[in-house]
């Protein structure tokens, strides 16, 4: 689905579950800004995902076009800069 066709209305997206392309739960949407979805995972990890990575709604979930492992690798790489 073309990302432009998805409705990014804040009320429609809030608390919706986000699913990776390999069908793993990433977390829930806690905020929406002009270009991004802010997702909370496990009450302590937040991710900012570009809206352009959204692909489709599946029931009440939002499917994005990357794998969970890719997101976790990015998170690990960013931690190495903090240490």
Protein backbone atom coordinates (compact mmCIF):
# COMPACT_ATOMS: atom_id res chain seq x y z
CA UNK A 1 0.00 0.00 0.00
CA UNK A 2 1.26 3.46 -0.88
CA UNK A 3 2.11 5.31 2.37
CA UNK A 4 0.31 8.37 1.00
CA UNK A 5 -2.91 6.35 1.03
CA UNK A 6 -2.69 5.50 4.73
CA UNK A 7 -4.59 7.82 7.01
CA UNK A 8 -2.21 9.18 9.62
CA UNK A 9 -4.85 10.71 11.83
CA UNK A 10 -3.56 10.91 15.37
CA UNK A 11 -6.75 9.51 16.92
CA UNK A 12 -6.75 6.54 14.56
CA UNK A 13 -3.13 5.62 15.29
CA UNK A 14 -2.80 6.14 19.04
CA UNK A 15 -2.18 2.92 21.01
CA UNK A 16 -2.26 0.85 17.83
CA UNK A 17 0.15 -2.10 17.79
CA UNK A 18 3.00 -1.96 15.25
CA UNK A 19 4.08 -5.17 13.51
CA UNK A 20 7.36 -5.70 11.62
CA UNK A 21 7.53 -7.21 8.13
CA UNK A 22 8.60 -10.51 9.72
CA UNK A 23 5.40 -10.33 11.82
CA UNK A 24 6.92 -9.55 15.22
CA UNK A 25 5.34 -7.02 17.54
CA UNK A 26 7.47 -3.88 17.80
CA UNK A 27 5.34 -1.99 20.31
CA UNK A 28 2.47 0.50 20.50
CA UNK A 29 2.19 3.96 19.01
CA UNK A 30 2.30 6.55 21.79
CA UNK A 31 2.67 9.73 19.70
CA UNK A 32 2.48 10.97 16.13
CA UNK A 33 4.25 13.98 14.67
CA UNK A 34 4.41 15.38 11.15
CA UNK A 35 6.82 12.77 9.78
CA UNK A 36 7.11 10.02 12.39
CA UNK A 37 5.39 7.50 14.58
CA UNK A 38 6.77 7.22 18.10
CA UNK A 39 6.55 3.65 19.38
CA UNK A 40 7.00 2.38 22.93
CA UNK A 41 8.29 -1.16 23.49
CA UNK A 42 8.51 -2.81 26.92
CA UNK A 43 7.81 0.43 28.83
CA UNK A 44 11.39 1.67 28.37
CA UNK A 45 12.41 1.58 24.70
CA UNK A 46 11.11 4.25 22.34
CA UNK A 47 11.55 4.21 18.59
CA UNK A 48 10.86 6.94 16.05
CA UNK A 49 9.80 5.38 12.77
CA UNK A 50 9.18 7.43 9.61
CA UNK A 51 5.58 7.32 8.45
CA UNK A 52 6.93 6.38 5.01
CA UNK A 53 7.83 2.93 6.42
CA UNK A 54 4.15 2.14 7.13
CA UNK A 55 2.67 -0.29 4.64
CA UNK A 56 -0.81 -1.43 5.64
CA UNK A 57 -3.33 -1.89 8.38
CA UNK A 58 -3.97 -5.51 9.32
CA UNK A 59 -7.03 -5.60 11.53
CA UNK A 60 -6.06 -3.19 14.35
CA UNK A 61 -2.31 -3.41 13.72
CA UNK A 62 -0.02 -1.28 11.56
CA UNK A 63 2.47 -3.20 9.40
CA UNK A 64 5.85 -1.53 8.71
CA UNK A 65 8.39 -2.49 6.04
CA UNK A 66 11.40 -3.59 8.10
CA UNK A 67 12.29 -6.54 10.30
CA UNK A 68 12.42 -6.40 14.08
CA UNK A 69 16.09 -7.49 14.07
CA UNK A 70 16.99 -4.48 11.90
CA UNK A 71 15.42 -2.15 14.44
CA UNK A 72 17.24 -3.86 17.33
CA UNK A 73 20.58 -3.63 15.49
CA UNK A 74 20.07 0.10 15.00
CA UNK A 75 19.31 0.41 18.72
CA UNK A 76 22.50 -1.49 19.65
CA UNK A 77 24.60 0.63 17.31
CA UNK A 78 23.26 3.83 18.87
CA UNK A 79 24.09 2.54 22.37
CA UNK A 80 27.75 2.13 21.41
CA UNK A 81 27.94 5.89 20.84
CA UNK A 82 26.62 6.57 24.34
CA UNK A 83 29.17 4.39 26.15
